[in-house]
Amino acid sequence: MDLITILIAFSLAMDSFSVSITRGFTNPQPKMVAEALKVGVFFGLFQAIMPIIGWLAGVNFIDFISDFDHWIAFGLLTFIGVRMIYESTKTESRKIVSSSSMSVLFMMSIATSIDALAVGLSYSFLEVSIVTPSIVIGVITFSLSFLGVFIGNKFGSFFEKIGLLGGLILIGIGIKILTEHMGVFT
């Protein structure tokens, strides 16, 4: 496991962490542990599965795009990063995020893990195994989401803009992949 995998995992977990904080902020104290476990499992599981789906899709196309795969990885990571930065500046409705319905949690799990699908696609273009990154992404997302519920309950909206940091990290990783593949900083 390398530092890049850990940074990607933390970056991808920022959306789930932000939603978890909001759920903790709006959730009554007696249900904290059950809510934290439910949120952590949903977000962690989806974040672990989506890169595998993206990777499997990309493996089937690698022969067609191997000459410019580094540009695709750079583009996907930059797009995801910019989107995360943009979304960190929007004011979200706490009413929807705080809903305790399983269908809402399911939809939020999908929405916060779409980025992981694109990262899995990037890993396939780079011909990197997805097993370890997927596990790391799932464990880190579970941990941050679980803690996010408690942090949100204690500190509220202080951490709402955490997606900005995750977006900047993903853009930096995209630039690193591009420059390394082009031989700029080897």
N, C-alpha and C. Protein backbone atom coordinates (compact mmCIF):
# COMPACT_ATOMS: atom_id res chain seq x y z
N MET A 1 0.85 -1.18 0.00
CA MET A 1 0.00 0.00 0.00
C MET A 1 0.89 1.23 0.00
N ASP A 2 0.60 2.15 -0.90
CA ASP A 2 1.44 3.34 -1.01
C ASP A 2 0.68 4.59 -0.59
N LEU A 3 1.41 5.67 -0.51
CA LEU A 3 0.85 6.94 -0.07
C LEU A 3 -0.24 7.44 -1.02
N ILE A 4 -0.06 7.22 -2.33
CA ILE A 4 -1.05 7.66 -3.31
C ILE A 4 -2.39 6.97 -3.04
N THR A 5 -2.38 5.68 -2.79
CA THR A 5 -3.60 4.94 -2.50
C THR A 5 -4.30 5.51 -1.26
N ILE A 6 -3.53 5.80 -0.25
CA ILE A 6 -4.10 6.35 0.99
C ILE A 6 -4.68 7.75 0.74
N LEU A 7 -3.96 8.58 -0.02
CA LEU A 7 -4.47 9.92 -0.33
C LEU A 7 -5.75 9.86 -1.16
N ILE A 8 -5.77 8.96 -2.13
CA ILE A 8 -6.98 8.79 -2.94
C ILE A 8 -8.13 8.34 -2.05
N ALA A 9 -7.88 7.39 -1.17
CA ALA A 9 -8.93 6.89 -0.28
C ALA A 9 -9.49 8.00 0.61
N PHE A 10 -8.60 8.81 1.18
CA PHE A 10 -9.07 9.92 2.02
C PHE A 10 -9.84 10.94 1.18
N SER A 11 -9.36 11.21 -0.01
CA SER A 11 -10.06 12.17 -0.88
C SER A 11 -11.45 11.68 -1.24
N LEU A 12 -11.56 10.41 -1.61
CA LEU A 12 -12.86 9.85 -1.97
C LEU A 12 -13.81 9.81 -0.77
N ALA A 13 -13.26 9.67 0.41
CA ALA A 13 -14.10 9.57 1.61
C ALA A 13 -14.65 10.92 2.07
N MET A 14 -14.15 12.02 1.52
CA MET A 14 -14.56 13.34 1.99
C MET A 14 -16.06 13.61 1.80
N ASP A 15 -16.64 13.19 0.67
CA ASP A 15 -18.08 13.39 0.48
C ASP A 15 -18.87 12.61 1.53
N SER A 16 -18.49 11.35 1.73
CA SER A 16 -19.18 10.52 2.73
C SER A 16 -18.99 11.10 4.13
N PHE A 17 -17.80 11.58 4.41
CA PHE A 17 -17.51 12.19 5.71
C PHE A 17 -18.40 13.41 5.93
N SER A 18 -18.53 14.25 4.91
CA SER A 18 -19.36 15.45 5.02
C SER A 18 -20.82 15.10 5.28
N VAL A 19 -21.33 14.11 4.54
CA VAL A 19 -22.72 13.68 4.74
C VAL A 19 -22.89 13.09 6.14
N SER A 20 -21.91 12.33 6.59
CA SER A 20 -21.96 11.72 7.92
C SER A 20 -21.99 12.77 9.02
N ILE A 21 -21.22 13.82 8.85
CA ILE A 21 -21.22 14.91 9.82
C ILE A 21 -22.61 15.53 9.90
N THR A 22 -23.21 15.75 8.74
CA THR A 22 -24.55 16.34 8.72
C THR A 22 -25.56 15.41 9.37
N ARG A 23 -25.45 14.11 9.11
CA ARG A 23 -26.37 13.15 9.74
C ARG A 23 -26.17 13.15 11.25
N GLY A 24 -24.93 13.25 11.71
CA GLY A 24 -24.68 13.31 13.15
C GLY A 24 -25.21 14.58 13.77
N PHE A 25 -25.11 15.66 13.04
CA PHE A 25 -25.57 16.97 13.51
C PHE A 25 -27.09 16.98 13.72
N THR A 26 -27.80 16.22 12.90
CA THR A 26 -29.26 16.24 12.96
C THR A 26 -29.85 15.00 13.64
N ASN A 27 -29.03 14.12 14.16
CA ASN A 27 -29.50 12.87 14.74
C ASN A 27 -29.53 12.97 16.27
N PRO A 28 -30.58 12.47 16.90
CA PRO A 28 -30.63 12.52 18.37
C PRO A 28 -29.57 11.62 19.02
N GLN A 29 -29.08 12.02 20.15
CA GLN A 29 -27.99 11.35 20.85
C GLN A 29 -28.20 9.86 21.13
N PRO A 30 -29.36 9.39 21.57
CA PRO A 30 -29.49 7.97 21.92
C PRO A 30 -29.24 7.00 20.77
N LYS A 31 -29.35 7.45 19.53
CA LYS A 31 -29.18 6.56 18.37
C LYS A 31 -27.80 6.67 17.74
N MET A 32 -26.85 7.30 18.36
CA MET A 32 -25.57 7.61 17.72
C MET A 32 -24.81 6.38 17.24
N VAL A 33 -24.62 5.38 18.06
CA VAL A 33 -23.81 4.22 17.66
C VAL A 33 -24.47 3.46 16.51
N ALA A 34 -25.78 3.22 16.61
CA ALA A 34 -26.48 2.51 15.53
C ALA A 34 -26.42 3.31 14.23
N GLU A 35 -26.63 4.61 14.33
CA GLU A 35 -26.58 5.47 13.13
C GLU A 35 -25.18 5.48 12.53
N ALA A 36 -24.17 5.60 13.38
CA ALA A 36 -22.78 5.64 12.91
C ALA A 36 -22.41 4.33 12.21
N LEU A 37 -22.82 3.20 12.77
CA LEU A 37 -22.54 1.91 12.13
C LEU A 37 -23.26 1.78 10.79
N LYS A 38 -24.52 2.16 10.77
CA LYS A 38 -25.31 2.07 9.53
C LYS A 38 -24.69 2.94 8.44
N VAL A 39 -24.38 4.17 8.76
CA VAL A 39 -23.79 5.10 7.79
C VAL A 39 -22.42 4.60 7.34
N GLY A 40 -21.60 4.17 8.28
CA GLY A 40 -20.26 3.68 7.96
C GLY A 40 -20.29 2.47 7.04
N VAL A 41 -21.17 1.52 7.33
CA VAL A 41 -21.26 0.31 6.51
C VAL A 41 -21.74 0.65 5.09
N PHE A 42 -22.81 1.44 5.00
CA PHE A 42 -23.32 1.81 3.67
C PHE A 42 -22.24 2.52 2.85
N PHE A 43 -21.68 3.59 3.39
CA PHE A 43 -20.72 4.37 2.63
C PHE A 43 -19.44 3.58 2.36
N GLY A 44 -18.95 2.86 3.34
CA GLY A 44 -17.73 2.07 3.15
C GLY A 44 -17.89 0.98 2.11
N LEU A 45 -19.02 0.30 2.15
CA LEU A 45 -19.27 -0.78 1.20
C LEU A 45 -19.38 -0.25 -0.24
N PHE A 46 -20.14 0.81 -0.42
CA PHE A 46 -20.28 1.37 -1.76
C PHE A 46 -18.95 1.91 -2.28
N GLN A 47 -18.19 2.57 -1.41
CA GLN A 47 -16.89 3.11 -1.83
C GLN A 47 -15.91 1.99 -2.17
N ALA A 48 -16.07 0.81 -1.58
CA ALA A 48 -15.18 -0.32 -1.89
C ALA A 48 -15.60 -1.04 -3.18
N ILE A 49 -16.89 -1.09 -3.45
CA ILE A 49 -17.39 -1.81 -4.62
C ILE A 49 -17.24 -1.00 -5.91
N MET A 50 -17.49 0.29 -5.85
CA MET A 50 -17.48 1.10 -7.07
C MET A 50 -16.15 1.12 -7.81
N PRO A 51 -15.00 1.18 -7.12
CA PRO A 51 -13.74 1.13 -7.89
C PRO A 51 -13.56 -0.19 -8.64
N ILE A 52 -14.07 -1.26 -8.06
CA ILE A 52 -13.97 -2.57 -8.73
C ILE A 52 -14.80 -2.56 -10.01
N ILE A 53 -16.00 -2.00 -9.94
CA ILE A 53 -16.85 -1.90 -11.13
C ILE A 53 -16.16 -1.05 -12.21
N GLY A 54 -15.61 0.09 -11.81
CA GLY A 54 -14.90 0.96 -12.76
C GLY A 54 -13.68 0.27 -13.35
N TRP A 55 -12.94 -0.44 -12.51
CA TRP A 55 -11.75 -1.15 -12.96
C TRP A 55 -12.11 -2.23 -13.98
N LEU A 56 -13.16 -2.99 -13.69
CA LEU A 56 -13.58 -4.05 -14.61
C LEU A 56 -14.01 -3.47 -15.96
N ALA A 57 -14.68 -2.35 -15.92
CA ALA A 57 -15.08 -1.70 -17.18
C ALA A 57 -13.85 -1.23 -17.95
N GLY A 58 -12.89 -0.67 -17.27
CA GLY A 58 -11.69 -0.15 -17.92
C GLY A 58 -10.80 -1.23 -18.49
N VAL A 59 -10.70 -2.36 -17.82
CA VAL A 59 -9.85 -3.46 -18.29
C VAL A 59 -10.27 -3.92 -19.68
N ASN A 60 -11.55 -3.85 -19.95
CA ASN A 60 -12.06 -4.28 -21.26
C ASN A 60 -11.70 -3.32 -22.39
N PHE A 61 -11.30 -2.08 -22.04
CA PHE A 61 -10.99 -1.08 -23.06
C PHE A 61 -9.52 -0.69 -23.11
N ILE A 62 -8.68 -1.29 -22.30
CA ILE A 62 -7.29 -0.85 -22.16
C ILE A 62 -6.50 -0.92 -23.47
N ASP A 63 -6.74 -1.94 -24.28
CA ASP A 63 -5.99 -2.07 -25.53
C ASP A 63 -6.30 -0.94 -26.51
N PHE A 64 -7.50 -0.40 -26.42
CA PHE A 64 -7.91 0.66 -27.33
C PHE A 64 -7.36 2.04 -26.94
N ILE A 65 -7.03 2.20 -25.67
CA ILE A 65 -6.67 3.55 -25.19
C ILE A 65 -5.30 3.63 -24.53
N SER A 66 -4.49 2.62 -24.67
CA SER A 66 -3.21 2.59 -23.94
C SER A 66 -2.27 3.74 -24.30
N ASP A 67 -2.42 4.32 -25.49
CA ASP A 67 -1.54 5.42 -25.88
C ASP A 67 -1.86 6.74 -25.17
N PHE A 68 -3.08 6.88 -24.69
CA PHE A 68 -3.45 8.13 -24.03
C PHE A 68 -4.16 7.91 -22.69
N ASP A 69 -3.95 6.74 -22.07
CA ASP A 69 -4.60 6.42 -20.81
C ASP A 69 -4.23 7.38 -19.68
N HIS A 70 -2.99 7.88 -19.69
CA HIS A 70 -2.57 8.82 -18.64
C HIS A 70 -3.35 10.13 -18.72
N TRP A 71 -3.71 10.53 -19.93
CA TRP A 71 -4.53 11.74 -20.10
C TRP A 71 -5.95 11.50 -19.56
N ILE A 72 -6.46 10.30 -19.77
CA ILE A 72 -7.79 9.97 -19.26
C ILE A 72 -7.77 9.95 -17.74
N ALA A 73 -6.75 9.31 -17.15
CA ALA A 73 -6.63 9.29 -15.68
C ALA A 73 -6.54 10.71 -15.13
N PHE A 74 -5.70 11.53 -15.76
CA PHE A 74 -5.57 12.94 -15.35
C PHE A 74 -6.91 13.66 -15.46
N GLY A 75 -7.59 13.48 -16.59
CA GLY A 75 -8.87 14.15 -16.80
C GLY A 75 -9.93 13.73 -15.80
N LEU A 76 -10.03 12.42 -15.55
CA LEU A 76 -11.02 11.93 -14.60
C LEU A 76 -10.75 12.46 -13.19
N LEU A 77 -9.50 12.35 -12.74
CA LEU A 77 -9.16 12.81 -11.39
C LEU A 77 -9.35 14.33 -11.25
N THR A 78 -8.99 15.07 -12.28
CA THR A 78 -9.17 16.53 -12.24
C THR A 78 -10.65 16.87 -12.23
N PHE A 79 -11.43 16.20 -13.07
CA PHE A 79 -12.88 16.44 -13.10
C PHE A 79 -13.50 16.16 -11.74
N ILE A 80 -13.16 15.01 -11.16
CA ILE A 80 -13.70 14.65 -9.85
C ILE A 80 -13.29 15.69 -8.81
N GLY A 81 -12.01 16.08 -8.84
CA GLY A 81 -11.50 17.07 -7.88
C GLY A 81 -12.22 18.40 -8.00
N VAL A 82 -12.39 18.88 -9.23
CA VAL A 82 -13.08 20.16 -9.45
C VAL A 82 -14.53 20.05 -8.98
N ARG A 83 -15.17 18.92 -9.28
CA ARG A 83 -16.56 18.73 -8.84
C ARG A 83 -16.66 18.72 -7.32
N MET A 84 -15.72 18.07 -6.65
CA MET A 84 -15.72 18.05 -5.19
C MET A 84 -15.53 19.46 -4.63
N ILE A 85 -14.65 20.23 -5.24
CA ILE A 85 -14.43 21.61 -4.79
C ILE A 85 -15.70 22.43 -4.98
N TYR A 86 -16.32 22.29 -6.14
CA TYR A 86 -17.56 23.02 -6.42
C TYR A 86 -18.65 22.65 -5.41
N GLU A 87 -18.83 21.34 -5.20
CA GLU A 87 -19.88 20.89 -4.29
C GLU A 87 -19.61 21.32 -2.85
N SER A 88 -18.35 21.52 -2.50
CA SER A 88 -18.05 21.96 -1.13
C SER A 88 -18.47 23.39 -0.90
N THR A 89 -18.72 24.14 -1.99
CA THR A 89 -19.14 25.53 -1.84
C THR A 89 -20.66 25.68 -1.84
N LYS A 90 -21.39 24.62 -2.18
CA LYS A 90 -22.85 24.69 -2.23
C LYS A 90 -23.43 24.44 -0.85
N THR A 91 -24.55 25.06 -0.57
CA THR A 91 -25.28 24.81 0.66
C THR A 91 -26.30 23.72 0.39
N GLU A 92 -26.15 22.60 1.05
CA GLU A 92 -27.04 21.45 0.85
C GLU A 92 -28.19 21.50 1.87
N SER A 93 -29.27 20.89 1.50
CA SER A 93 -30.41 20.81 2.40
C SER A 93 -30.16 19.75 3.45
N ARG A 94 -30.12 20.15 4.71
CA ARG A 94 -29.90 19.19 5.80
C ARG A 94 -31.09 18.26 5.98
N LYS A 95 -32.26 18.71 5.59
CA LYS A 95 -33.45 17.89 5.75
C LYS A 95 -33.32 16.59 4.96
N ILE A 96 -32.84 16.66 3.71
CA ILE A 96 -32.69 15.47 2.88
C ILE A 96 -31.56 14.60 3.40
N VAL A 97 -30.42 15.19 3.71
CA VAL A 97 -29.26 14.43 4.16
C VAL A 97 -29.53 13.74 5.48
N SER A 98 -30.32 14.36 6.34
CA SER A 98 -30.54 13.81 7.67
C SER A 98 -31.65 12.77 7.71
N SER A 99 -32.37 12.57 6.63
CA SER A 99 -33.45 11.59 6.62
C SER A 99 -32.92 10.23 7.03
N SER A 100 -33.65 9.56 7.90
CA SER A 100 -33.17 8.26 8.39
C SER A 100 -33.66 7.11 7.51
N SER A 101 -34.36 7.39 6.44
CA SER A 101 -34.87 6.36 5.55
C SER A 101 -33.72 5.60 4.89
N MET A 102 -33.89 4.29 4.77
CA MET A 102 -32.86 3.44 4.15
C MET A 102 -32.70 3.78 2.67
N SER A 103 -33.79 4.15 2.00
CA SER A 103 -33.69 4.48 0.58
C SER A 103 -32.86 5.75 0.38
N VAL A 104 -33.00 6.72 1.28
CA VAL A 104 -32.20 7.94 1.19
C VAL A 104 -30.73 7.61 1.44
N LEU A 105 -30.45 6.77 2.43
CA LEU A 105 -29.07 6.38 2.72
C LEU A 105 -28.48 5.61 1.53
N PHE A 106 -29.26 4.76 0.91
CA PHE A 106 -28.83 4.01 -0.27
C PHE A 106 -28.47 4.97 -1.40
N MET A 107 -29.35 5.93 -1.67
CA MET A 107 -29.10 6.90 -2.75
C MET A 107 -27.88 7.77 -2.44
N MET A 108 -27.71 8.18 -1.18
CA MET A 108 -26.54 8.97 -0.82
C MET A 108 -25.26 8.15 -0.95
N SER A 109 -25.35 6.86 -0.66
CA SER A 109 -24.19 5.99 -0.81
C SER A 109 -23.75 5.90 -2.26
N ILE A 110 -24.72 5.78 -3.15
CA ILE A 110 -24.40 5.75 -4.58
C ILE A 110 -23.82 7.10 -5.01
N ALA A 111 -24.49 8.17 -4.62
CA ALA A 111 -24.06 9.51 -5.04
C ALA A 111 -22.65 9.85 -4.57
N THR A 112 -22.32 9.45 -3.35
CA THR A 112 -20.99 9.78 -2.83
C THR A 112 -19.91 8.82 -3.33
N SER A 113 -20.31 7.74 -4.00
CA SER A 113 -19.30 6.78 -4.47
C SER A 113 -19.10 6.77 -5.99
N ILE A 114 -19.80 7.62 -6.71
CA ILE A 114 -19.62 7.70 -8.17
C ILE A 114 -18.17 8.06 -8.49
N ASP A 115 -17.57 8.92 -7.68
CA ASP A 115 -16.17 9.30 -7.88
C ASP A 115 -15.26 8.07 -7.79
N ALA A 116 -15.59 7.16 -6.89
CA ALA A 116 -14.78 5.94 -6.73
C ALA A 116 -14.85 5.07 -7.99
N LEU A 117 -15.98 5.08 -8.68
CA LEU A 117 -16.11 4.35 -9.94
C LEU A 117 -15.11 4.89 -10.96
N ALA A 118 -15.02 6.21 -11.05
CA ALA A 118 -14.08 6.83 -11.99
C ALA A 118 -12.63 6.56 -11.59
N VAL A 119 -12.36 6.52 -10.29
CA VAL A 119 -11.00 6.22 -9.84
C VAL A 119 -10.65 4.78 -10.21
N GLY A 120 -11.59 3.86 -10.05
CA GLY A 120 -11.36 2.47 -10.46
C GLY A 120 -11.04 2.38 -11.95
N LEU A 121 -11.75 3.18 -12.74
CA LEU A 121 -11.48 3.24 -14.17
C LEU A 121 -10.05 3.73 -14.42
N SER A 122 -9.64 4.74 -13.67
CA SER A 122 -8.27 5.25 -13.80
C SER A 122 -7.24 4.19 -13.44
N TYR A 123 -7.49 3.45 -12.38
CA TYR A 123 -6.56 2.37 -12.00
C TYR A 123 -6.43 1.34 -13.11
N SER A 124 -7.53 1.02 -13.79
CA SER A 124 -7.44 0.03 -14.87
C SER A 124 -6.61 0.56 -16.03
N PHE A 125 -6.74 1.86 -16.34
CA PHE A 125 -5.95 2.45 -17.41
C PHE A 125 -4.47 2.44 -17.07
N LEU A 126 -4.16 2.55 -15.79
CA LEU A 126 -2.77 2.54 -15.35
C LEU A 126 -2.26 1.12 -15.12
N GLU A 127 -3.13 0.14 -15.36
CA GLU A 127 -2.81 -1.28 -15.18
C GLU A 127 -2.33 -1.59 -13.77
N VAL A 128 -3.08 -1.06 -12.79
CA VAL A 128 -2.80 -1.26 -11.38
C VAL A 128 -3.89 -2.16 -10.82
N SER A 129 -3.52 -3.12 -9.99
CA SER A 129 -4.50 -3.99 -9.34
C SER A 129 -5.45 -3.16 -8.49
N ILE A 130 -6.70 -3.55 -8.43
CA ILE A 130 -7.71 -2.78 -7.71
C ILE A 130 -8.02 -3.36 -6.33
N VAL A 131 -7.55 -4.55 -6.02
CA VAL A 131 -7.93 -5.21 -4.77
C VAL A 131 -7.53 -4.39 -3.55
N THR A 132 -6.25 -4.10 -3.40
CA THR A 132 -5.79 -3.35 -2.23
C THR A 132 -6.38 -1.94 -2.18
N PRO A 133 -6.35 -1.18 -3.29
CA PRO A 133 -6.97 0.15 -3.22
C PRO A 133 -8.44 0.10 -2.83
N SER A 134 -9.18 -0.87 -3.34
CA SER A 134 -10.60 -0.97 -3.03
C SER A 134 -10.83 -1.23 -1.54
N ILE A 135 -10.03 -2.12 -0.98
CA ILE A 135 -10.14 -2.41 0.45
C ILE A 135 -9.78 -1.18 1.28
N VAL A 136 -8.69 -0.52 0.91
CA VAL A 136 -8.25 0.68 1.63
C VAL A 136 -9.32 1.77 1.54
N ILE A 137 -9.86 1.98 0.35
CA ILE A 137 -10.91 3.00 0.16
C ILE A 137 -12.12 2.67 1.03
N GLY A 138 -12.54 1.41 1.05
CA GLY A 138 -13.70 1.01 1.86
C GLY A 138 -13.47 1.18 3.35
N VAL A 139 -12.30 0.76 3.83
CA VAL A 139 -11.99 0.85 5.26
C VAL A 139 -11.88 2.31 5.71
N ILE A 140 -11.19 3.12 4.93
CA ILE A 140 -11.04 4.53 5.29
C ILE A 140 -12.40 5.24 5.24
N THR A 141 -13.20 4.94 4.23
CA THR A 141 -14.52 5.56 4.14
C THR A 141 -15.39 5.12 5.31
N PHE A 142 -15.38 3.83 5.64
CA PHE A 142 -16.16 3.36 6.79
C PHE A 142 -15.72 4.11 8.05
N SER A 143 -14.42 4.17 8.28
CA SER A 143 -13.89 4.79 9.50
C SER A 143 -14.26 6.27 9.60
N LEU A 144 -14.05 7.00 8.50
CA LEU A 144 -14.37 8.43 8.52
C LEU A 144 -15.87 8.68 8.63
N SER A 145 -16.66 7.86 7.97
CA SER A 145 -18.12 8.02 8.04
C SER A 145 -18.62 7.71 9.44
N PHE A 146 -18.11 6.66 10.03
CA PHE A 146 -18.48 6.28 11.40
C PHE A 146 -18.14 7.43 12.36
N LEU A 147 -16.91 7.91 12.27
CA LEU A 147 -16.49 9.04 13.13
C LEU A 147 -17.25 10.32 12.79
N GLY A 148 -17.56 10.52 11.52
CA GLY A 148 -18.26 11.73 11.10
C GLY A 148 -19.59 11.93 11.79
N VAL A 149 -20.31 10.84 12.03
CA VAL A 149 -21.59 10.95 12.73
C VAL A 149 -21.37 11.52 14.13
N PHE A 150 -20.35 11.04 14.82
CA PHE A 150 -20.07 11.53 16.18
C PHE A 150 -19.54 12.96 16.16
N ILE A 151 -18.67 13.24 15.21
CA ILE A 151 -18.12 14.60 15.09
C ILE A 151 -19.24 15.59 14.79
N GLY A 152 -20.13 15.22 13.88
CA GLY A 152 -21.26 16.08 13.54
C GLY A 152 -22.16 16.33 14.72
N ASN A 153 -22.33 15.31 15.55
CA ASN A 153 -23.17 15.47 16.72
C ASN A 153 -22.55 16.44 17.73
N LYS A 154 -21.24 16.46 17.80
CA LYS A 154 -20.55 17.34 18.76
C LYS A 154 -20.26 18.73 18.21
N PHE A 155 -19.81 18.80 16.94
CA PHE A 155 -19.30 20.07 16.42
C PHE A 155 -20.11 20.68 15.29
N GLY A 156 -21.14 19.98 14.82
CA GLY A 156 -22.04 20.55 13.84
C GLY A 156 -21.42 20.92 12.51
N SER A 157 -21.71 22.12 12.08
CA SER A 157 -21.38 22.54 10.72
C SER A 157 -19.95 23.03 10.53
N PHE A 158 -19.11 22.91 11.54
CA PHE A 158 -17.72 23.39 11.44
C PHE A 158 -16.97 22.73 10.29
N PHE A 159 -17.27 21.46 9.98
CA PHE A 159 -16.52 20.70 8.98
C PHE A 159 -17.21 20.60 7.62
N GLU A 160 -18.24 21.39 7.37
CA GLU A 160 -19.03 21.24 6.15
C GLU A 160 -18.23 21.37 4.85
N LYS A 161 -17.16 22.10 4.82
CA LYS A 161 -16.43 22.36 3.57
C LYS A 161 -15.24 21.42 3.38
N ILE A 162 -15.27 20.24 3.97
CA ILE A 162 -14.13 19.32 3.92
C ILE A 162 -13.88 18.79 2.50
N GLY A 163 -14.89 18.81 1.63
CA GLY A 163 -14.73 18.33 0.25
C GLY A 163 -13.71 19.13 -0.53
N LEU A 164 -13.47 20.38 -0.15
CA LEU A 164 -12.47 21.21 -0.82
C LEU A 164 -11.09 20.56 -0.75
N LEU A 165 -10.70 20.09 0.41
CA LEU A 165 -9.40 19.45 0.57
C LEU A 165 -9.29 18.18 -0.27
N GLY A 166 -10.33 17.36 -0.25
CA GLY A 166 -10.33 16.13 -1.05
C GLY A 166 -10.19 16.43 -2.54
N GLY A 167 -10.87 17.46 -3.01
CA GLY A 167 -10.78 17.84 -4.42
C GLY A 167 -9.39 18.28 -4.81
N LEU A 168 -8.76 19.07 -3.98
CA LEU A 168 -7.39 19.53 -4.26
C LEU A 168 -6.41 18.37 -4.30
N ILE A 169 -6.58 17.41 -3.41
CA ILE A 169 -5.69 16.24 -3.40
C ILE A 169 -5.85 15.44 -4.68
N LEU A 170 -7.09 15.22 -5.13
CA LEU A 170 -7.30 14.44 -6.36
C LEU A 170 -6.71 15.15 -7.58
N ILE A 171 -6.86 16.46 -7.66
CA ILE A 171 -6.26 17.21 -8.77
C ILE A 171 -4.75 17.06 -8.75
N GLY A 172 -4.16 17.15 -7.57
CA GLY A 172 -2.70 16.98 -7.43
C GLY A 172 -2.24 15.60 -7.87
N ILE A 173 -2.99 14.57 -7.53
CA ILE A 173 -2.65 13.21 -7.95
C ILE A 173 -2.76 13.07 -9.47
N GLY A 174 -3.79 13.67 -10.05
CA GLY A 174 -3.94 13.65 -11.51
C GLY A 174 -2.76 14.30 -12.20
N ILE A 175 -2.31 15.43 -11.68
CA ILE A 175 -1.14 16.12 -12.25
C ILE A 175 0.10 15.25 -12.10
N LYS A 176 0.24 14.60 -10.96
CA LYS A 176 1.40 13.72 -10.73
C LYS A 176 1.42 12.56 -11.74
N ILE A 177 0.29 11.93 -11.97
CA ILE A 177 0.20 10.82 -12.94
C ILE A 177 0.60 11.32 -14.33
N LEU A 178 0.06 12.44 -14.73
CA LEU A 178 0.34 12.99 -16.06
C LEU A 178 1.82 13.33 -16.22
N THR A 179 2.38 14.03 -15.25
CA THR A 179 3.78 14.46 -15.37
C THR A 179 4.74 13.26 -15.32
N GLU A 180 4.42 12.25 -14.50
CA GLU A 180 5.27 11.06 -14.46
C GLU A 180 5.23 10.30 -15.78
N HIS A 181 4.05 10.16 -16.35
CA HIS A 181 3.91 9.41 -17.59
C HIS A 181 4.59 10.14 -18.76
N MET A 182 4.61 11.45 -18.69
CA MET A 182 5.24 12.25 -19.75
C MET A 182 6.74 12.43 -19.51
N GLY A 183 7.22 11.92 -18.37
CA GLY A 183 8.64 11.99 -18.07
C GLY A 183 9.11 13.34 -17.55
N VAL A 184 8.19 14.17 -17.06
CA VAL A 184 8.56 15.49 -16.59
C VAL A 184 9.33 15.43 -15.29
N PHE A 185 8.83 14.64 -14.32
CA PHE A 185 9.47 14.55 -13.00
C PHE A 185 9.85 13.12 -12.65
N THR A 186 10.58 12.46 -13.49
CA THR A 186 10.94 11.07 -13.21
C THR A 186 12.28 10.97 -12.57
